[in-house]
Amino acid sequence: MSENEQSPGPSTDYVQSLARGLSVIKAFDAENPRQTLSDVARHTDLTRATARRFLLTLVELEYVRTDGSVFWLTPRVLELGYSYLSSLSLPEIAGPHLEALSAKVRESTSVSILDGDDVVYVARVPVSRIMTVSITIGTRFPAYATSMGRVLLAGLSDAALDAYLTRVSFTRLTGKTVSTAVGLRAELQKIRADGFAVVDQELEEGLRSLAAPIRDATGDVVAAVNISTQAARYSAEAVLTELVPAALATADAISVDLGRTQSSNNPSTATR
């Protein structure tokens, strides 16, 4: 660019209010998960009055929560990335890996993301009908009662997880379902330590499932890979010794491919 040239400004189609609203959401990160109005105004270069209007709008839309003095994001912000994850890269990348995993263990395999307080299936290789409910792309289940949901919940920031546990309404789906916030928090702490989740007949009687996290190029948990089986086919011990290692290897392989795709589309992520 020559000395006489100026950087182009926003186009006539540019919507400043949308850009400002997105900047408010982006102001929250791992280092600043909970912020006051003054914090947000400072991080976004907005006036306190303007920042307040955007924050309260986001509260109304349930993307942000507040206790009156501090604000934090809710898991609903994950909806903003749903189209990206479900439209192109993740299902297409995961498909061959799920096929290989299903052929190896001879069980149904799936990939899900967190959408609000539910898991949503975005890729699946069915082997046999093992549930009373037919599962297809787009099927939703409550996150707290599924192995994939628990892996995804365990991957949330502490603030986002606290928000989820505060608002979630538990339903005891079977006699084994963990149905208290205290009980679920303990399970999620174990998952964070183990790196995988096993759910034994909590979503449906006779169904055992396990899941492992899929990570993006920055290391964040963005999805989960799952193997589901009938309790009669695999004991609880066999799930741990035979199925968990296969799921972990598949999740790692998908993560590597996803990271490569994201890095090629955005070279800056390769240096993070």
C-alpha atoms as a PDB file:
ATOM      1  CA  MET A   1       0.000   0.000   0.000  1.00  0.00           C
ATOM      2  CA  SER A   2       1.435   3.427  -0.922  1.00  0.00           C
ATOM      3  CA  GLU A   3       1.799   6.321   1.507  1.00  0.00           C
ATOM      4  CA  ASN A   4      -1.160   8.095  -0.064  1.00  0.00           C
ATOM      5  CA  GLU A   5      -3.451   5.098   0.220  1.00  0.00           C
ATOM      6  CA  GLN A   6      -5.637   4.611   3.273  1.00  0.00           C
ATOM      7  CA  SER A   7      -6.915   1.400   4.785  1.00  0.00           C
ATOM      8  CA  PRO A   8     -10.452   0.753   3.598  1.00  0.00           C
ATOM      9  CA  GLY A   9     -13.101   1.415   6.195  1.00  0.00           C
ATOM     10  CA  PRO A  10     -16.149  -0.724   6.891  1.00  0.00           C
ATOM     11  CA  SER A  11     -18.394  -1.350   3.900  1.00  0.00           C
ATOM     12  CA  THR A  12     -21.819   0.201   3.620  1.00  0.00           C
ATOM     13  CA  ASP A  13     -23.253  -3.176   4.642  1.00  0.00           C
ATOM     14  CA  TYR A  14     -21.300  -3.201   7.911  1.00  0.00           C
ATOM     15  CA  VAL A  15     -23.570  -3.470  10.984  1.00  0.00           C
ATOM     16  CA  GLN A  16     -21.720  -1.842  13.849  1.00  0.00           C
ATOM     17  CA  SER A  17     -24.113  -3.000  16.554  1.00  0.00           C
ATOM     18  CA  LEU A  18     -23.613  -6.644  15.549  1.00  0.00           C
ATOM     19  CA  ALA A  19     -19.842  -6.189  15.592  1.00  0.00           C
ATOM     20  CA  ARG A  20     -20.034  -4.614  19.042  1.00  0.00           C
ATOM     21  CA  GLY A  21     -22.252  -7.397  20.368  1.00  0.00           C
ATOM     22  CA  LEU A  22     -19.800 -10.018  19.148  1.00  0.00           C
ATOM     23  CA  SER A  23     -16.921  -8.086  20.714  1.00  0.00           C
ATOM     24  CA  VAL A  24     -18.694  -8.274  24.068  1.00  0.00           C
ATOM     25  CA  ILE A  25     -18.979 -12.062  23.779  1.00  0.00           C
ATOM     26  CA  LYS A  26     -15.332 -12.342  22.724  1.00  0.00           C
ATOM     27  CA  ALA A  27     -14.252 -10.285  25.731  1.00  0.00           C
ATOM     28  CA  PHE A  28     -14.826 -13.377  27.892  1.00  0.00           C
ATOM     29  CA  ASP A  29     -12.010 -15.912  27.732  1.00  0.00           C
ATOM     30  CA  ALA A  30     -10.048 -18.362  29.889  1.00  0.00           C
ATOM     31  CA  GLU A  31      -8.269 -15.501  31.670  1.00  0.00           C
ATOM     32  CA  ASN A  32     -11.426 -13.424  32.103  1.00  0.00           C
ATOM     33  CA  PRO A  33     -14.411 -15.784  32.478  1.00  0.00           C
ATOM     34  CA  ARG A  34     -16.300 -13.516  34.917  1.00  0.00           C
ATOM     35  CA  GLN A  35     -16.271  -9.759  34.460  1.00  0.00           C
ATOM     36  CA  THR A  36     -17.881  -6.624  35.813  1.00  0.00           C
ATOM     37  CA  LEU A  37     -19.514  -4.041  33.572  1.00  0.00           C
ATOM     38  CA  SER A  38     -16.386  -1.901  33.844  1.00  0.00           C
ATOM     39  CA  ASP A  39     -14.192  -4.850  32.833  1.00  0.00           C
ATOM     40  CA  VAL A  40     -16.238  -5.503  29.693  1.00  0.00           C
ATOM     41  CA  ALA A  41     -16.307  -1.821  28.764  1.00  0.00           C
ATOM     42  CA  ARG A  42     -12.541  -1.644  29.120  1.00  0.00           C
ATOM     43  CA  HIS A  43     -11.859  -4.818  27.107  1.00  0.00           C
ATOM     44  CA  THR A  44     -14.165  -3.759  24.265  1.00  0.00           C
ATOM     45  CA  ASP A  45     -13.422  -0.012  24.202  1.00  0.00           C
ATOM     46  CA  LEU A  46     -17.128   0.660  24.674  1.00  0.00           C
ATOM     47  CA  THR A  47     -18.702   3.148  27.049  1.00  0.00           C
ATOM     48  CA  ARG A  48     -20.208   1.687  30.202  1.00  0.00           C
ATOM     49  CA  ALA A  49     -23.700   2.598  28.973  1.00  0.00           C
ATOM     50  CA  THR A  50     -23.182   0.862  25.631  1.00  0.00           C
ATOM     51  CA  ALA A  51     -21.556  -2.199  27.195  1.00  0.00           C
ATOM     52  CA  ARG A  52     -24.437  -2.419  29.667  1.00  0.00           C
ATOM     53  CA  ARG A  53     -27.052  -2.449  26.889  1.00  0.00           C
ATOM     54  CA  PHE A  54     -25.260  -5.237  25.030  1.00  0.00           C
ATOM     55  CA  LEU A  55     -24.715  -7.292  28.185  1.00  0.00           C
ATOM     56  CA  LEU A  56     -28.352  -7.029  29.268  1.00  0.00           C
ATOM     57  CA  THR A  57     -29.470  -7.958  25.754  1.00  0.00           C
ATOM     58  CA  LEU A  58     -27.240 -11.036  25.895  1.00  0.00           C
ATOM     59  CA  VAL A  59     -28.703 -11.841  29.318  1.00  0.00           C
ATOM     60  CA  GLU A  60     -32.205 -11.673  27.827  1.00  0.00           C
ATOM     61  CA  LEU A  61     -31.081 -14.030  25.037  1.00  0.00           C
ATOM     62  CA  GLU A  62     -29.524 -16.348  27.663  1.00  0.00           C
ATOM     63  CA  TYR A  63     -26.018 -16.108  26.213  1.00  0.00           C
ATOM     64  CA  VAL A  64     -24.855 -14.348  29.385  1.00  0.00           C
ATOM     65  CA  ARG A  65     -25.788 -14.634  33.053  1.00  0.00           C
ATOM     66  CA  THR A  66     -25.298 -12.129  35.864  1.00  0.00           C
ATOM     67  CA  ASP A  67     -25.641 -11.947  39.625  1.00  0.00           C
ATOM     68  CA  GLY A  68     -26.182  -8.187  39.425  1.00  0.00           C
ATOM     69  CA  SER A  69     -22.543  -7.192  39.552  1.00  0.00           C
ATOM     70  CA  VAL A  70     -20.595  -9.829  37.609  1.00  0.00           C
ATOM     71  CA  PHE A  71     -21.330 -11.290  34.155  1.00  0.00           C
ATOM     72  CA  TRP A  72     -20.332 -14.637  32.603  1.00  0.00           C
ATOM     73  CA  LEU A  73     -21.077 -16.619  29.456  1.00  0.00           C
ATOM     74  CA  THR A  74     -23.517 -19.518  29.379  1.00  0.00           C
ATOM     75  CA  PRO A  75     -23.105 -22.721  27.336  1.00  0.00           C
ATOM     76  CA  ARG A  76     -25.663 -21.326  24.890  1.00  0.00           C
ATOM     77  CA  VAL A  77     -22.825 -19.435  23.169  1.00  0.00           C
ATOM     78  CA  LEU A  78     -21.817 -22.824  21.782  1.00  0.00           C
ATOM     79  CA  GLU A  79     -24.840 -22.544  19.481  1.00  0.00           C
ATOM     80  CA  LEU A  80     -22.937 -19.870  17.579  1.00  0.00           C
ATOM     81  CA  GLY A  81     -20.448 -22.500  16.450  1.00  0.00           C
ATOM     82  CA  TYR A  82     -22.993 -25.224  15.749  1.00  0.00           C
ATOM     83  CA  SER A  83     -23.351 -24.465  12.037  1.00  0.00           C
ATOM     84  CA  TYR A  84     -19.595 -24.649  11.500  1.00  0.00           C
ATOM     85  CA  LEU A  85     -19.173 -27.902  13.375  1.00  0.00           C
ATOM     86  CA  SER A  86     -22.190 -29.603  11.854  1.00  0.00           C
ATOM     87  CA  SER A  87     -21.974 -28.420   8.263  1.00  0.00           C
ATOM     88  CA  LEU A  88     -18.585 -29.252   6.842  1.00  0.00           C
ATOM     89  CA  SER A  89     -15.419 -30.130   8.677  1.00  0.00           C
ATOM     90  CA  LEU A  90     -16.310 -32.212  11.729  1.00  0.00           C
ATOM     91  CA  PRO A  91     -18.775 -34.748  10.260  1.00  0.00           C
ATOM     92  CA  GLU A  92     -16.713 -35.189   7.103  1.00  0.00           C
ATOM     93  CA  ILE A  93     -13.489 -35.617   9.065  1.00  0.00           C
ATOM     94  CA  ALA A  94     -15.052 -37.915  11.657  1.00  0.00           C
ATOM     95  CA  GLY A  95     -16.897 -40.167   9.183  1.00  0.00           C
ATOM     96  CA  PRO A  96     -14.003 -42.414   8.064  1.00  0.00           C
ATOM     97  CA  HIS A  97     -12.725 -42.695  11.627  1.00  0.00           C
ATOM     98  CA  LEU A  98     -16.157 -43.742  12.886  1.00  0.00           C
ATOM     99  CA  GLU A  99     -16.417 -46.323  10.121  1.00  0.00           C
ATOM    100  CA  ALA A 100     -13.052 -47.806  11.090  1.00  0.00           C
ATOM    101  CA  LEU A 101     -13.898 -47.783  14.790  1.00  0.00           C
ATOM    102  CA  SER A 102     -17.277 -49.407  14.227  1.00  0.00           C
ATOM    103  CA  ALA A 103     -15.694 -52.122  12.065  1.00  0.00           C
ATOM    104  CA  LYS A 104     -13.086 -52.783  14.748  1.00  0.00           C
ATOM    105  CA  VAL A 105     -15.391 -53.063  17.771  1.00  0.00           C
ATOM    106  CA  ARG A 106     -18.547 -54.081  15.884  1.00  0.00           C
ATOM    107  CA  GLU A 107     -20.641 -51.559  17.761  1.00  0.00           C
ATOM    108  CA  SER A 108     -22.436 -48.328  16.887  1.00  0.00           C
ATOM    109  CA  THR A 109     -20.269 -45.205  16.965  1.00  0.00           C
ATOM    110  CA  SER A 110     -21.192 -41.515  17.010  1.00  0.00           C
ATOM    111  CA  VAL A 111     -19.923 -37.967  17.304  1.00  0.00           C
ATOM    112  CA  SER A 112     -21.872 -35.267  19.125  1.00  0.00           C
ATOM    113  CA  ILE A 113     -21.495 -31.629  20.072  1.00  0.00           C
ATOM    114  CA  LEU A 114     -22.987 -29.678  22.953  1.00  0.00           C
ATOM    115  CA  ASP A 115     -25.952 -27.509  21.946  1.00  0.00           C
ATOM    116  CA  GLY A 116     -27.359 -25.668  24.916  1.00  0.00           C
ATOM    117  CA  ASP A 117     -27.869 -28.290  27.620  1.00  0.00           C
ATOM    118  CA  ASP A 118     -28.210 -31.194  25.170  1.00  0.00           C
ATOM    119  CA  VAL A 119     -25.891 -33.272  23.058  1.00  0.00           C
ATOM    120  CA  VAL A 120     -26.724 -33.284  19.354  1.00  0.00           C
ATOM    121  CA  TYR A 121     -25.585 -36.089  17.057  1.00  0.00           C
ATOM    122  CA  VAL A 122     -23.654 -34.771  14.035  1.00  0.00           C
ATOM    123  CA  ALA A 123     -22.171 -38.062  12.752  1.00  0.00           C
ATOM    124  CA  ARG A 124     -23.105 -41.697  13.334  1.00  0.00           C
ATOM    125  CA  VAL A 125     -22.335 -45.228  12.132  1.00  0.00           C
ATOM    126  CA  PRO A 126     -25.066 -47.579  13.408  1.00  0.00           C
ATOM    127  CA  VAL A 127     -24.439 -51.315  13.616  1.00  0.00           C
ATOM    128  CA  SER A 128     -27.565 -52.524  15.336  1.00  0.00           C
ATOM    129  CA  ARG A 129     -30.624 -51.124  17.068  1.00  0.00           C
ATOM    130  CA  ILE A 130     -29.586 -51.075  20.729  1.00  0.00           C
ATOM    131  CA  MET A 131     -31.968 -48.392  22.022  1.00  0.00           C
ATOM    132  CA  THR A 132     -35.725 -48.074  22.069  1.00  0.00           C
ATOM    133  CA  VAL A 133     -35.288 -44.603  20.508  1.00  0.00           C
ATOM    134  CA  SER A 134     -34.026 -44.387  16.937  1.00  0.00           C
ATOM    135  CA  ILE A 135     -30.887 -42.234  16.757  1.00  0.00           C
ATOM    136  CA  THR A 136     -30.213 -40.124  13.658  1.00  0.00           C
ATOM    137  CA  ILE A 137     -28.228 -37.000  12.842  1.00  0.00           C
ATOM    138  CA  GLY A 138     -29.800 -34.234  14.910  1.00  0.00           C
ATOM    139  CA  THR A 139     -31.053 -36.502  17.705  1.00  0.00           C
ATOM    140  CA  ARG A 140     -30.786 -34.781  21.087  1.00  0.00           C
ATOM    141  CA  PHE A 141     -30.316 -36.176  24.577  1.00  0.00           C
ATOM    142  CA  PRO A 142     -29.771 -34.422  27.919  1.00  0.00           C
ATOM    143  CA  ALA A 143     -26.038 -33.956  28.392  1.00  0.00           C
ATOM    144  CA  TYR A 144     -25.978 -35.047  32.034  1.00  0.00           C
ATOM    145  CA  ALA A 145     -27.194 -38.587  31.240  1.00  0.00           C
ATOM    146  CA  THR A 146     -24.918 -39.428  28.290  1.00  0.00           C
ATOM    147  CA  SER A 147     -21.249 -40.286  28.021  1.00  0.00           C
ATOM    148  CA  MET A 148     -20.683 -37.767  25.232  1.00  0.00           C
ATOM    149  CA  GLY A 149     -22.530 -35.104  27.172  1.00  0.00           C
ATOM    150  CA  ARG A 150     -20.407 -35.645  30.232  1.00  0.00           C
ATOM    151  CA  VAL A 151     -17.187 -35.455  28.226  1.00  0.00           C
ATOM    152  CA  LEU A 152     -18.378 -32.163  26.758  1.00  0.00           C
ATOM    153  CA  LEU A 153     -19.497 -30.813  30.138  1.00  0.00           C
ATOM    154  CA  ALA A 154     -16.149 -31.791  31.643  1.00  0.00           C
ATOM    155  CA  GLY A 155     -14.486 -29.735  28.909  1.00  0.00           C
ATOM    156  CA  LEU A 156     -16.316 -26.540  29.880  1.00  0.00           C
ATOM    157  CA  SER A 157     -14.658 -23.780  31.859  1.00  0.00           C
ATOM    158  CA  ASP A 158     -15.399 -23.790  35.586  1.00  0.00           C
ATOM    159  CA  ALA A 159     -17.672 -20.771  35.186  1.00  0.00           C
ATOM    160  CA  ALA A 160     -19.664 -22.331  32.351  1.00  0.00           C
ATOM    161  CA  LEU A 161     -19.957 -25.610  34.238  1.00  0.00           C
ATOM    162  CA  ASP A 162     -21.147 -23.812  37.378  1.00  0.00           C
ATOM    163  CA  ALA A 163     -23.802 -22.054  35.309  1.00  0.00           C
ATOM    164  CA  TYR A 164     -24.945 -25.352  33.816  1.00  0.00           C
ATOM    165  CA  LEU A 165     -25.153 -27.106  37.190  1.00  0.00           C
ATOM    166  CA  THR A 166     -27.112 -24.192  38.619  1.00  0.00           C
ATOM    167  CA  ARG A 167     -29.860 -24.306  36.002  1.00  0.00           C
ATOM    168  CA  VAL A 168     -30.052 -27.937  34.850  1.00  0.00           C
ATOM    169  CA  SER A 169     -33.231 -29.821  35.675  1.00  0.00           C
ATOM    170  CA  PHE A 170     -32.533 -33.511  36.301  1.00  0.00           C
ATOM    171  CA  THR A 171     -34.847 -36.353  35.363  1.00  0.00           C
ATOM    172  CA  ARG A 172     -34.151 -39.809  36.717  1.00  0.00           C
ATOM    173  CA  LEU A 173     -34.292 -41.738  33.430  1.00  0.00           C
ATOM    174  CA  THR A 174     -33.386 -45.104  35.000  1.00  0.00           C
ATOM    175  CA  GLY A 175     -32.672 -46.316  38.515  1.00  0.00           C
ATOM    176  CA  LYS A 176     -28.971 -45.624  37.910  1.00  0.00           C
ATOM    177  CA  THR A 177     -29.175 -42.080  36.547  1.00  0.00           C
ATOM    178  CA  VAL A 178     -27.045 -39.535  38.385  1.00  0.00           C
ATOM    179  CA  SER A 179     -29.665 -36.910  39.137  1.00  0.00           C
ATOM    180  CA  THR A 180     -28.081 -34.350  41.464  1.00  0.00           C
ATOM    181  CA  ALA A 181     -25.681 -31.499  40.775  1.00  0.00           C
ATOM    182  CA  VAL A 182     -23.330 -32.767  43.486  1.00  0.00           C
ATOM    183  CA  GLY A 183     -23.263 -36.248  42.018  1.00  0.00           C
ATOM    184  CA  LEU A 184     -22.758 -35.007  38.480  1.00  0.00           C
ATOM    185  CA  ARG A 185     -19.959 -32.640  39.500  1.00  0.00           C
ATOM    186  CA  ALA A 186     -18.141 -35.568  41.108  1.00  0.00           C
ATOM    187  CA  GLU A 187     -18.531 -37.586  37.900  1.00  0.00           C
ATOM    188  CA  LEU A 188     -17.224 -34.715  35.786  1.00  0.00           C
ATOM    189  CA  GLN A 189     -14.194 -34.243  38.018  1.00  0.00           C
ATOM    190  CA  LYS A 190     -13.369 -37.924  37.511  1.00  0.00           C
ATOM    191  CA  ILE A 191     -13.799 -37.547  33.744  1.00  0.00           C
ATOM    192  CA  ARG A 192     -11.427 -34.587  33.709  1.00  0.00           C
ATOM    193  CA  ALA A 193      -8.846 -36.736  35.484  1.00  0.00           C
ATOM    194  CA  ASP A 194      -9.414 -39.908  33.425  1.00  0.00           C
ATOM    195  CA  GLY A 195      -9.829 -38.303  30.010  1.00  0.00           C
ATOM    196  CA  PHE A 196     -12.942 -40.336  29.126  1.00  0.00           C
ATOM    197  CA  ALA A 197     -16.474 -41.069  30.346  1.00  0.00           C
ATOM    198  CA  VAL A 198     -18.402 -44.287  30.882  1.00  0.00           C
ATOM    199  CA  VAL A 199     -22.159 -44.260  31.479  1.00  0.00           C
ATOM    200  CA  ASP A 200     -23.643 -47.552  32.620  1.00  0.00           C
ATOM    201  CA  GLN A 201     -27.387 -47.847  32.022  1.00  0.00           C
ATOM    202  CA  GLU A 202     -28.184 -44.275  33.075  1.00  0.00           C
ATOM    203  CA  LEU A 203     -29.822 -43.166  29.828  1.00  0.00           C
ATOM    204  CA  GLU A 204     -31.595 -46.461  29.165  1.00  0.00           C
ATOM    205  CA  GLU A 205     -31.651 -49.829  30.903  1.00  0.00           C
ATOM    206  CA  GLY A 206     -29.287 -52.321  29.293  1.00  0.00           C
ATOM    207  CA  LEU A 207     -27.231 -49.657  27.491  1.00  0.00           C
ATOM    208  CA  ARG A 208     -23.571 -49.063  28.256  1.00  0.00           C
ATOM    209  CA  SER A 209     -21.751 -46.233  26.515  1.00  0.00           C
ATOM    210  CA  LEU A 210     -18.390 -44.528  26.648  1.00  0.00           C
ATOM    211  CA  ALA A 211     -16.980 -41.374  25.125  1.00  0.00           C
ATOM    212  CA  ALA A 212     -13.702 -39.558  24.571  1.00  0.00           C
ATOM    213  CA  PRO A 213     -13.076 -35.872  23.809  1.00  0.00           C
ATOM    214  CA  ILE A 214     -12.344 -34.425  20.378  1.00  0.00           C
ATOM    215  CA  ARG A 215     -10.213 -31.280  20.558  1.00  0.00           C
ATOM    216  CA  ASP A 216      -9.718 -28.457  18.094  1.00  0.00           C
ATOM    217  CA  ALA A 217      -6.444 -26.886  17.004  1.00  0.00           C
ATOM    218  CA  THR A 218      -6.210 -24.884  20.242  1.00  0.00           C
ATOM    219  CA  GLY A 219      -6.816 -27.899  22.484  1.00  0.00           C
ATOM    220  CA  ASP A 220     -10.396 -27.030  23.437  1.00  0.00           C
ATOM    221  CA  VAL A 221     -12.953 -29.843  23.664  1.00  0.00           C
ATOM    222  CA  VAL A 222     -15.406 -29.254  20.800  1.00  0.00           C
ATOM    223  CA  ALA A 223     -17.035 -32.663  20.344  1.00  0.00           C
ATOM    224  CA  ALA A 224     -17.028 -36.229  21.615  1.00  0.00           C
ATOM    225  CA  VAL A 225     -16.782 -39.670  20.032  1.00  0.00           C
ATOM    226  CA  ASN A 226     -18.874 -42.467  21.459  1.00  0.00           C
ATOM    227  CA  ILE A 227     -19.284 -46.236  21.408  1.00  0.00           C
ATOM    228  CA  SER A 228     -22.604 -47.681  22.566  1.00  0.00           C
ATOM    229  CA  THR A 229     -23.223 -51.329  23.379  1.00  0.00           C
ATOM    230  CA  GLN A 230     -25.664 -53.602  25.139  1.00  0.00           C
ATOM    231  CA  ALA A 231     -24.724 -54.534  28.677  1.00  0.00           C
ATOM    232  CA  ALA A 232     -25.160 -58.188  27.760  1.00  0.00           C
ATOM    233  CA  ARG A 233     -22.370 -57.944  25.158  1.00  0.00           C
ATOM    234  CA  TYR A 234     -19.744 -56.099  27.182  1.00  0.00           C
ATOM    235  CA  SER A 235     -19.266 -56.229  30.937  1.00  0.00           C
ATOM    236  CA  ALA A 236     -18.299 -53.029  32.760  1.00  0.00           C
ATOM    237  CA  GLU A 237     -14.717 -54.327  32.948  1.00  0.00           C
ATOM    238  CA  ALA A 238     -14.613 -55.195  29.231  1.00  0.00           C
ATOM    239  CA  VAL A 239     -15.807 -51.699  28.363  1.00  0.00           C
ATOM    240  CA  LEU A 240     -12.769 -50.283  30.158  1.00  0.00           C
ATOM    241  CA  THR A 241     -10.206 -52.729  28.802  1.00  0.00           C
ATOM    242  CA  GLU A 242     -11.453 -53.188  25.231  1.00  0.00           C
ATOM    243  CA  LEU A 243     -13.644 -50.270  24.153  1.00  0.00           C
ATOM    244  CA  VAL A 244     -12.165 -47.275  25.966  1.00  0.00           C
ATOM    245  CA  PRO A 245      -8.681 -47.563  24.377  1.00  0.00           C
ATOM    246  CA  ALA A 246     -10.262 -47.790  20.909  1.00  0.00           C
ATOM    247  CA  ALA A 247     -12.428 -44.727  21.530  1.00  0.00           C
ATOM    248  CA  LEU A 248      -9.492 -42.711  22.864  1.00  0.00           C
ATOM    249  CA  ALA A 249      -7.365 -43.574  19.822  1.00  0.00           C
ATOM    250  CA  THR A 250     -10.181 -42.582  17.465  1.00  0.00           C
ATOM    251  CA  ALA A 251     -10.823 -39.307  19.298  1.00  0.00           C
ATOM    252  CA  ASP A 252      -7.125 -38.470  19.077  1.00  0.00           C
ATOM    253  CA  ALA A 253      -7.053 -39.257  15.348  1.00  0.00           C
ATOM    254  CA  ILE A 254     -10.099 -37.068  14.674  1.00  0.00           C
ATOM    255  CA  SER A 255      -8.570 -34.283  16.763  1.00  0.00           C
ATOM    256  CA  VAL A 256      -5.361 -34.404  14.732  1.00  0.00           C
ATOM    257  CA  ASP A 257      -7.237 -34.242  11.420  1.00  0.00           C
ATOM    258  CA  LEU A 258      -9.531 -31.487  12.692  1.00  0.00           C
ATOM    259  CA  GLY A 259      -6.536 -29.506  13.902  1.00  0.00           C
ATOM    260  CA  ARG A 260      -4.814 -29.837  10.541  1.00  0.00           C
ATOM    261  CA  THR A 261      -7.922 -28.631   8.735  1.00  0.00           C
ATOM    262  CA  GLN A 262      -8.337 -25.658  11.031  1.00  0.00           C
ATOM    263  CA  SER A 263      -4.646 -24.783  10.817  1.00  0.00           C
ATOM    264  CA  SER A 264      -4.704 -24.883   7.015  1.00  0.00           C
ATOM    265  CA  ASN A 265      -7.766 -22.637   6.982  1.00  0.00           C
ATOM    266  CA  ASN A 266      -6.265 -20.327   9.608  1.00  0.00           C
ATOM    267  CA  PRO A 267      -2.465 -20.560   9.679  1.00  0.00           C
ATOM    268  CA  SER A 268      -2.271 -18.477  12.870  1.00  0.00           C
ATOM    269  CA  THR A 269      -3.654 -21.409  14.877  1.00  0.00           C
ATOM    270  CA  ALA A 270      -0.659 -23.504  14.002  1.00  0.00           C
ATOM    271  CA  THR A 271       1.558 -21.314  16.143  1.00  0.00           C
ATOM    272  CA  ARG A 272      -0.634 -21.283  19.230  1.00  0.00           C
END
